[in-house]
Amino acid sequence: MWEEAREYALPPERIDSPLAGRPYNLRHACITRWLNAGVPIAAVARRVGNSPEVIHRRYRGCIDGREEAANAKIAEALEEEGDTS
């Protein structure tokens, strides 16, 4: 059934690719996309039925490298509160 669905859902040049090789791959893609979009780990975990610890351990590659974005948010919050020292 899944192979047949892939023929309808994917462009012809991607049907034989590993893209969405099994339905569970779509779950990983979704979680990765949400984390890369900046959705908090706790929210992602709640939506997919995992603990934040599991999400952090399994998807830390998506979370690493987001330090600059986090620092910018902290700086913005401090500026809004008038605390720039």
PDB file of N, CA and C in Angstrom:
ATOM      1  N   MET A   1       0.820  -1.177   0.000  1.00  0.00           N
ATOM      2  CA  MET A   1       0.000   0.000   0.000  1.00  0.00           C
ATOM      3  C   MET A   1       0.871   1.251   0.000  1.00  0.00           C
ATOM      4  N   TRP A   2       1.931   1.251   0.841  1.00  0.00           N
ATOM      5  CA  TRP A   2       2.794   2.432   0.930  1.00  0.00           C
ATOM      6  C   TRP A   2       3.504   2.699  -0.396  1.00  0.00           C
ATOM      7  N   GLU A   3       3.981   1.656  -1.033  1.00  0.00           N
ATOM      8  CA  GLU A   3       4.654   1.834  -2.329  1.00  0.00           C
ATOM      9  C   GLU A   3       3.713   2.455  -3.353  1.00  0.00           C
ATOM     10  N   GLU A   4       2.474   2.012  -3.342  1.00  0.00           N
ATOM     11  CA  GLU A   4       1.492   2.569  -4.270  1.00  0.00           C
ATOM     12  C   GLU A   4       1.209   4.036  -3.949  1.00  0.00           C
ATOM     13  N   ALA A   5       1.117   4.361  -2.679  1.00  0.00           N
ATOM     14  CA  ALA A   5       0.869   5.747  -2.270  1.00  0.00           C
ATOM     15  C   ALA A   5       2.031   6.648  -2.683  1.00  0.00           C
ATOM     16  N   ARG A   6       3.247   6.146  -2.588  1.00  0.00           N
ATOM     17  CA  ARG A   6       4.419   6.939  -2.984  1.00  0.00           C
ATOM     18  C   ARG A   6       4.349   7.307  -4.462  1.00  0.00           C
ATOM     19  N   GLU A   7       3.831   6.418  -5.286  1.00  0.00           N
ATOM     20  CA  GLU A   7       3.717   6.701  -6.713  1.00  0.00           C
ATOM     21  C   GLU A   7       2.791   7.884  -6.978  1.00  0.00           C
ATOM     22  N   TYR A   8       1.792   8.050  -6.130  1.00  0.00           N
ATOM     23  CA  TYR A   8       0.860   9.163  -6.293  1.00  0.00           C
ATOM     24  C   TYR A   8       1.386  10.451  -5.644  1.00  0.00           C
ATOM     25  N   ALA A   9       2.143  10.312  -4.562  1.00  0.00           N
ATOM     26  CA  ALA A   9       2.543  11.474  -3.774  1.00  0.00           C
ATOM     27  C   ALA A   9       3.860  12.107  -4.209  1.00  0.00           C
ATOM     28  N   LEU A  10       4.761  11.310  -4.753  1.00  0.00           N
ATOM     29  CA  LEU A  10       6.088  11.824  -5.086  1.00  0.00           C
ATOM     30  C   LEU A  10       6.217  12.120  -6.581  1.00  0.00           C
ATOM     31  N   PRO A  11       7.090  13.071  -6.915  1.00  0.00           N
ATOM     32  CA  PRO A  11       7.359  13.296  -8.333  1.00  0.00           C
ATOM     33  C   PRO A  11       8.030  12.055  -8.927  1.00  0.00           C
ATOM     34  N   PRO A  12       7.839  11.805 -10.206  1.00  0.00           N
ATOM     35  CA  PRO A  12       8.378  10.581 -10.827  1.00  0.00           C
ATOM     36  C   PRO A  12       9.862  10.335 -10.557  1.00  0.00           C
ATOM     37  N   GLU A  13      10.662  11.385 -10.543  1.00  0.00           N
ATOM     38  CA  GLU A  13      12.103  11.200 -10.343  1.00  0.00           C
ATOM     39  C   GLU A  13      12.473  10.841  -8.907  1.00  0.00           C
ATOM     40  N   ARG A  14      11.532  10.951  -7.965  1.00  0.00           N
ATOM     41  CA  ARG A  14      11.816  10.636  -6.558  1.00  0.00           C
ATOM     42  C   ARG A  14      11.208   9.313  -6.099  1.00  0.00           C
ATOM     43  N   ILE A  15      10.418   8.664  -6.928  1.00  0.00           N
ATOM     44  CA  ILE A  15       9.737   7.425  -6.524  1.00  0.00           C
ATOM     45  C   ILE A  15      10.723   6.340  -6.116  1.00  0.00           C
ATOM     46  N   ASP A  16      11.823   6.193  -6.824  1.00  0.00           N
ATOM     47  CA  ASP A  16      12.795   5.149  -6.496  1.00  0.00           C
ATOM     48  C   ASP A  16      13.843   5.613  -5.485  1.00  0.00           C
ATOM     49  N   SER A  17      13.721   6.832  -4.996  1.00  0.00           N
ATOM     50  CA  SER A  17      14.680   7.357  -4.019  1.00  0.00           C
ATOM     51  C   SER A  17      14.320   6.854  -2.613  1.00  0.00           C
ATOM     52  N   PRO A  18      15.212   7.046  -1.649  1.00  0.00           N
ATOM     53  CA  PRO A  18      14.904   6.631  -0.276  1.00  0.00           C
ATOM     54  C   PRO A  18      13.944   7.590   0.439  1.00  0.00           C
ATOM     55  N   LEU A  19      13.581   8.696  -0.196  1.00  0.00           N
ATOM     56  CA  LEU A  19      12.684   9.668   0.401  1.00  0.00           C
ATOM     57  C   LEU A  19      11.381   8.999   0.841  1.00  0.00           C
ATOM     58  N   ALA A  20      11.040   9.165   2.110  1.00  0.00           N
ATOM     59  CA  ALA A  20       9.814   8.589   2.668  1.00  0.00           C
ATOM     60  C   ALA A  20       9.720   7.100   2.356  1.00  0.00           C
ATOM     61  N   GLY A  21      10.834   6.409   2.561  1.00  0.00           N
ATOM     62  CA  GLY A  21      10.878   4.981   2.277  1.00  0.00           C
ATOM     63  C   GLY A  21       9.886   4.165   3.080  1.00  0.00           C
ATOM     64  N   ARG A  22       9.526   4.662   4.245  1.00  0.00           N
ATOM     65  CA  ARG A  22       8.511   4.007   5.078  1.00  0.00           C
ATOM     66  C   ARG A  22       7.756   5.112   5.815  1.00  0.00           C
ATOM     67  N   PRO A  23       6.536   4.865   6.211  1.00  0.00           N
ATOM     68  CA  PRO A  23       5.730   5.917   6.847  1.00  0.00           C
ATOM     69  C   PRO A  23       6.408   6.568   8.048  1.00  0.00           C
ATOM     70  N   TYR A  24       7.148   5.804   8.819  1.00  0.00           N
ATOM     71  CA  TYR A  24       7.792   6.346  10.018  1.00  0.00           C
ATOM     72  C   TYR A  24       8.788   7.451   9.669  1.00  0.00           C
ATOM     73  N   ASN A  25       9.360   7.432   8.464  1.00  0.00           N
ATOM     74  CA  ASN A  25      10.281   8.488   8.048  1.00  0.00           C
ATOM     75  C   ASN A  25       9.606   9.855   8.052  1.00  0.00           C
ATOM     76  N   LEU A  26       8.318   9.874   7.783  1.00  0.00           N
ATOM     77  CA  LEU A  26       7.584  11.143   7.765  1.00  0.00           C
ATOM     78  C   LEU A  26       7.543  11.758   9.160  1.00  0.00           C
ATOM     79  N   ARG A  27       7.456  10.924  10.172  1.00  0.00           N
ATOM     80  CA  ARG A  27       7.454  11.413  11.556  1.00  0.00           C
ATOM     81  C   ARG A  27       8.781  12.093  11.872  1.00  0.00           C
ATOM     82  N   HIS A  28       9.880  11.453  11.490  1.00  0.00           N
ATOM     83  CA  HIS A  28      11.201  12.046  11.726  1.00  0.00           C
ATOM     84  C   HIS A  28      11.342  13.369  10.981  1.00  0.00           C
ATOM     85  N   ALA A  29      10.861  13.412   9.759  1.00  0.00           N
ATOM     86  CA  ALA A  29      10.942  14.641   8.973  1.00  0.00           C
ATOM     87  C   ALA A  29      10.149  15.761   9.640  1.00  0.00           C
ATOM     88  N   CYS A  30       8.995  15.427  10.149  1.00  0.00           N
ATOM     89  CA  CYS A  30       8.151  16.416  10.816  1.00  0.00           C
ATOM     90  C   CYS A  30       8.829  16.947  12.081  1.00  0.00           C
ATOM     91  N   ILE A  31       9.341  16.060  12.902  1.00  0.00           N
ATOM     92  CA  ILE A  31      10.011  16.477  14.137  1.00  0.00           C
ATOM     93  C   ILE A  31      11.217  17.352  13.817  1.00  0.00           C
ATOM     94  N   THR A  32      11.997  16.949  12.844  1.00  0.00           N
ATOM     95  CA  THR A  32      13.169  17.720  12.444  1.00  0.00           C
ATOM     96  C   THR A  32      12.761  19.111  11.977  1.00  0.00           C
ATOM     97  N   ARG A  33      11.731  19.182  11.161  1.00  0.00           N
ATOM     98  CA  ARG A  33      11.269  20.481  10.645  1.00  0.00           C
ATOM     99  C   ARG A  33      10.818  21.384  11.782  1.00  0.00           C
ATOM    100  N   TRP A  34      10.044  20.838  12.727  1.00  0.00           N
ATOM    101  CA  TRP A  34       9.571  21.652  13.847  1.00  0.00           C
ATOM    102  C   TRP A  34      10.737  22.171  14.683  1.00  0.00           C
ATOM    103  N   LEU A  35      11.712  21.305  14.983  1.00  0.00           N
ATOM    104  CA  LEU A  35      12.860  21.743  15.775  1.00  0.00           C
ATOM    105  C   LEU A  35      13.661  22.801  15.039  1.00  0.00           C
ATOM    106  N   ASN A  36      13.885  22.621  13.748  1.00  0.00           N
ATOM    107  CA  ASN A  36      14.624  23.608  12.962  1.00  0.00           C
ATOM    108  C   ASN A  36      13.867  24.927  12.863  1.00  0.00           C
ATOM    109  N   ALA A  37      12.542  24.870  12.974  1.00  0.00           N
ATOM    110  CA  ALA A  37      11.730  26.083  12.931  1.00  0.00           C
ATOM    111  C   ALA A  37      11.751  26.821  14.276  1.00  0.00           C
ATOM    112  N   GLY A  38      12.336  26.185  15.286  1.00  0.00           N
ATOM    113  CA  GLY A  38      12.439  26.828  16.591  1.00  0.00           C
ATOM    114  C   GLY A  38      11.331  26.483  17.564  1.00  0.00           C
ATOM    115  N   VAL A  39      10.519  25.468  17.251  1.00  0.00           N
ATOM    116  CA  VAL A  39       9.480  25.043  18.192  1.00  0.00           C
ATOM    117  C   VAL A  39      10.196  24.462  19.421  1.00  0.00           C
ATOM    118  N   PRO A  40       9.800  24.884  20.620  1.00  0.00           N
ATOM    119  CA  PRO A  40      10.473  24.380  21.822  1.00  0.00           C
ATOM    120  C   PRO A  40      10.398  22.848  21.928  1.00  0.00           C
ATOM    121  N   ILE A  41      11.455  22.268  22.469  1.00  0.00           N
ATOM    122  CA  ILE A  41      11.538  20.816  22.605  1.00  0.00           C
ATOM    123  C   ILE A  41      10.340  20.258  23.356  1.00  0.00           C
ATOM    124  N   ALA A  42       9.930  20.938  24.430  1.00  0.00           N
ATOM    125  CA  ALA A  42       8.801  20.440  25.221  1.00  0.00           C
ATOM    126  C   ALA A  42       7.521  20.385  24.387  1.00  0.00           C
ATOM    127  N   ALA A  43       7.315  21.364  23.529  1.00  0.00           N
ATOM    128  CA  ALA A  43       6.113  21.377  22.687  1.00  0.00           C
ATOM    129  C   ALA A  43       6.169  20.265  21.644  1.00  0.00           C
ATOM    130  N   VAL A  44       7.329  20.066  21.045  1.00  0.00           N
ATOM    131  CA  VAL A  44       7.479  18.985  20.065  1.00  0.00           C
ATOM    132  C   VAL A  44       7.232  17.642  20.749  1.00  0.00           C
ATOM    133  N   ALA A  45       7.834  17.458  21.911  1.00  0.00           N
ATOM    134  CA  ALA A  45       7.690  16.194  22.642  1.00  0.00           C
ATOM    135  C   ALA A  45       6.220  15.915  22.951  1.00  0.00           C
ATOM    136  N   ARG A  46       5.515  16.929  23.423  1.00  0.00           N
ATOM    137  CA  ARG A  46       4.099  16.751  23.757  1.00  0.00           C
ATOM    138  C   ARG A  46       3.287  16.376  22.522  1.00  0.00           C
ATOM    139  N   ARG A  47       3.565  17.024  21.406  1.00  0.00           N
ATOM    140  CA  ARG A  47       2.799  16.768  20.181  1.00  0.00           C
ATOM    141  C   ARG A  47       3.034  15.372  19.610  1.00  0.00           C
ATOM    142  N   VAL A  48       4.248  14.849  19.783  1.00  0.00           N
ATOM    143  CA  VAL A  48       4.552  13.535  19.195  1.00  0.00           C
ATOM    144  C   VAL A  48       4.522  12.392  20.205  1.00  0.00           C
ATOM    145  N   GLY A  49       4.230  12.722  21.466  1.00  0.00           N
ATOM    146  CA  GLY A  49       4.091  11.675  22.470  1.00  0.00           C
ATOM    147  C   GLY A  49       5.391  11.110  22.990  1.00  0.00           C
ATOM    148  N   ASN A  50       6.417  11.947  23.052  1.00  0.00           N
ATOM    149  CA  ASN A  50       7.691  11.547  23.629  1.00  0.00           C
ATOM    150  C   ASN A  50       8.020  12.475  24.789  1.00  0.00           C
ATOM    151  N   SER A  51       9.050  12.122  25.538  1.00  0.00           N
ATOM    152  CA  SER A  51       9.530  13.024  26.572  1.00  0.00           C
ATOM    153  C   SER A  51      10.507  14.016  25.934  1.00  0.00           C
ATOM    154  N   PRO A  52      10.672  15.183  26.549  1.00  0.00           N
ATOM    155  CA  PRO A  52      11.672  16.124  26.038  1.00  0.00           C
ATOM    156  C   PRO A  52      13.075  15.510  25.994  1.00  0.00           C
ATOM    157  N   GLU A  53      13.370  14.629  26.965  1.00  0.00           N
ATOM    158  CA  GLU A  53      14.683  13.986  26.991  1.00  0.00           C
ATOM    159  C   GLU A  53      14.913  13.135  25.742  1.00  0.00           C
ATOM    160  N   VAL A  54      13.891  12.400  25.332  1.00  0.00           N
ATOM    161  CA  VAL A  54      14.013  11.556  24.135  1.00  0.00           C
ATOM    162  C   VAL A  54      14.212  12.424  22.900  1.00  0.00           C
ATOM    163  N   ILE A  55      13.433  13.485  22.783  1.00  0.00           N
ATOM    164  CA  ILE A  55      13.575  14.378  21.630  1.00  0.00           C
ATOM    165  C   ILE A  55      14.973  14.989  21.615  1.00  0.00           C
ATOM    166  N   HIS A  56      15.426  15.456  22.764  1.00  0.00           N
ATOM    167  CA  HIS A  56      16.754  16.079  22.819  1.00  0.00           C
ATOM    168  C   HIS A  56      17.848  15.091  22.438  1.00  0.00           C
ATOM    169  N   ARG A  57      17.764  13.881  22.969  1.00  0.00           N
ATOM    170  CA  ARG A  57      18.788  12.874  22.690  1.00  0.00           C
ATOM    171  C   ARG A  57      18.776  12.455  21.217  1.00  0.00           C
ATOM    172  N   ARG A  58      17.596  12.226  20.674  1.00  0.00           N
ATOM    173  CA  ARG A  58      17.480  11.700  19.304  1.00  0.00           C
ATOM    174  C   ARG A  58      17.711  12.768  18.232  1.00  0.00           C
ATOM    175  N   TYR A  59      17.348  14.007  18.535  1.00  0.00           N
ATOM    176  CA  TYR A  59      17.394  15.057  17.517  1.00  0.00           C
ATOM    177  C   TYR A  59      18.343  16.194  17.875  1.00  0.00           C
ATOM    178  N   ARG A  60      19.335  15.926  18.712  1.00  0.00           N
ATOM    179  CA  ARG A  60      20.219  17.007  19.138  1.00  0.00           C
ATOM    180  C   ARG A  60      20.948  17.665  17.977  1.00  0.00           C
ATOM    181  N   GLY A  61      21.135  16.945  16.874  1.00  0.00           N
ATOM    182  CA  GLY A  61      21.761  17.553  15.697  1.00  0.00           C
ATOM    183  C   GLY A  61      20.951  18.698  15.135  1.00  0.00           C
ATOM    184  N   CYS A  62      19.644  18.645  15.313  1.00  0.00           N
ATOM    185  CA  CYS A  62      18.777  19.741  14.858  1.00  0.00           C
ATOM    186  C   CYS A  62      18.856  20.915  15.816  1.00  0.00           C
ATOM    187  N   ILE A  63      19.138  20.615  17.063  1.00  0.00           N
ATOM    188  CA  ILE A  63      19.129  21.641  18.095  1.00  0.00           C
ATOM    189  C   ILE A  63      20.489  22.321  18.179  1.00  0.00           C
ATOM    190  N   ASP A  64      21.573  21.563  18.015  1.00  0.00           N
ATOM    191  CA  ASP A  64      22.909  22.144  18.030  1.00  0.00           C
ATOM    192  C   ASP A  64      23.016  23.191  16.938  1.00  0.00           C
ATOM    193  N   GLY A  65      23.776  24.227  17.210  1.00  0.00           N
ATOM    194  CA  GLY A  65      23.951  25.263  16.214  1.00  0.00           C
ATOM    195  C   GLY A  65      22.875  26.336  16.294  1.00  0.00           C
ATOM    196  N   ARG A  66      21.967  26.221  17.233  1.00  0.00           N
ATOM    197  CA  ARG A  66      20.900  27.216  17.384  1.00  0.00           C
ATOM    198  C   ARG A  66      21.266  28.227  18.471  1.00  0.00           C
ATOM    199  N   GLU A  67      22.519  28.180  18.903  1.00  0.00           N
ATOM    200  CA  GLU A  67      22.985  29.049  19.978  1.00  0.00           C
ATOM    201  C   GLU A  67      22.825  30.528  19.618  1.00  0.00           C
ATOM    202  N   GLU A  68      23.179  30.896  18.387  1.00  0.00           N
ATOM    203  CA  GLU A  68      23.075  32.300  17.986  1.00  0.00           C
ATOM    204  C   GLU A  68      21.627  32.777  18.022  1.00  0.00           C
ATOM    205  N   ALA A  69      20.718  31.949  17.548  1.00  0.00           N
ATOM    206  CA  ALA A  69      19.308  32.319  17.569  1.00  0.00           C
ATOM    207  C   ALA A  69      18.814  32.477  19.009  1.00  0.00           C
ATOM    208  N   ALA A  70      19.238  31.583  19.892  1.00  0.00           N
ATOM    209  CA  ALA A  70      18.837  31.671  21.297  1.00  0.00           C
ATOM    210  C   ALA A  70      19.409  32.935  21.933  1.00  0.00           C
ATOM    211  N   ASN A  71      20.668  33.231  21.658  1.00  0.00           N
ATOM    212  CA  ASN A  71      21.293  34.442  22.205  1.00  0.00           C
ATOM    213  C   ASN A  71      20.581  35.697  21.720  1.00  0.00           C
ATOM    214  N   ALA A  72      20.179  35.708  20.459  1.00  0.00           N
ATOM    215  CA  ALA A  72      19.455  36.865  19.912  1.00  0.00           C
ATOM    216  C   ALA A  72      18.119  37.045  20.618  1.00  0.00           C
ATOM    217  N   LYS A  73      17.421  35.952  20.896  1.00  0.00           N
ATOM    218  CA  LYS A  73      16.139  36.049  21.598  1.00  0.00           C
ATOM    219  C   LYS A  73      16.334  36.575  23.021  1.00  0.00           C
ATOM    220  N   ILE A  74      17.386  36.112  23.675  1.00  0.00           N
ATOM    221  CA  ILE A  74      17.678  36.580  25.040  1.00  0.00           C
ATOM    222  C   ILE A  74      17.990  38.067  25.018  1.00  0.00           C
ATOM    223  N   ALA A  75      18.832  38.486  24.091  1.00  0.00           N
ATOM    224  CA  ALA A  75      19.191  39.903  23.988  1.00  0.00           C
ATOM    225  C   ALA A  75      17.957  40.765  23.699  1.00  0.00           C
ATOM    226  N   GLU A  76      17.095  40.281  22.826  1.00  0.00           N
ATOM    227  CA  GLU A  76      15.872  41.015  22.497  1.00  0.00           C
ATOM    228  C   GLU A  76      14.972  41.160  23.728  1.00  0.00           C
ATOM    229  N   ALA A  77      14.829  40.076  24.488  1.00  0.00           N
ATOM    230  CA  ALA A  77      14.005  40.122  25.694  1.00  0.00           C
ATOM    231  C   ALA A  77      14.585  41.098  26.712  1.00  0.00           C
ATOM    232  N   LEU A  78      15.903  41.090  26.842  1.00  0.00           N
ATOM    233  CA  LEU A  78      16.543  42.012  27.792  1.00  0.00           C
ATOM    234  C   LEU A  78      16.362  43.462  27.365  1.00  0.00           C
ATOM    235  N   GLU A  79      16.462  43.726  26.084  1.00  0.00           N
ATOM    236  CA  GLU A  79      16.277  45.085  25.569  1.00  0.00           C
ATOM    237  C   GLU A  79      14.847  45.555  25.801  1.00  0.00           C
ATOM    238  N   GLU A  80      13.874  44.661  25.593  1.00  0.00           N
ATOM    239  CA  GLU A  80      12.475  45.017  25.804  1.00  0.00           C
ATOM    240  C   GLU A  80      12.214  45.379  27.275  1.00  0.00           C
ATOM    241  N   GLU A  81      12.944  44.727  28.157  1.00  0.00           N
ATOM    242  CA  GLU A  81      12.778  44.985  29.589  1.00  0.00           C
ATOM    243  C   GLU A  81      13.658  46.140  30.066  1.00  0.00           C
ATOM    244  N   GLY A  82      14.462  46.698  29.157  1.00  0.00           N
ATOM    245  CA  GLY A  82      15.322  47.813  29.509  1.00  0.00           C
ATOM    246  C   GLY A  82      16.578  47.408  30.243  1.00  0.00           C
ATOM    247  N   ASP A  83      16.928  46.140  30.217  1.00  0.00           N
ATOM    248  CA  ASP A  83      18.113  45.640  30.915  1.00  0.00           C
ATOM    249  C   ASP A  83      19.169  45.280  29.888  1.00  0.00           C
ATOM    250  N   THR A  84      19.975  46.260  29.519  1.00  0.00           N
ATOM    251  CA  THR A  84      21.009  46.009  28.509  1.00  0.00           C
ATOM    252  C   THR A  84      22.403  45.983  29.119  1.00  0.00           C
ATOM    253  N   SER A  85      22.497  45.983  30.418  1.00  0.00           N
ATOM    254  CA  SER A  85      23.816  45.980  31.051  1.00  0.00           C
ATOM    255  C   SER A  85      24.373  44.596  31.190  1.00  0.00           C
TER     256      SER A  85
END
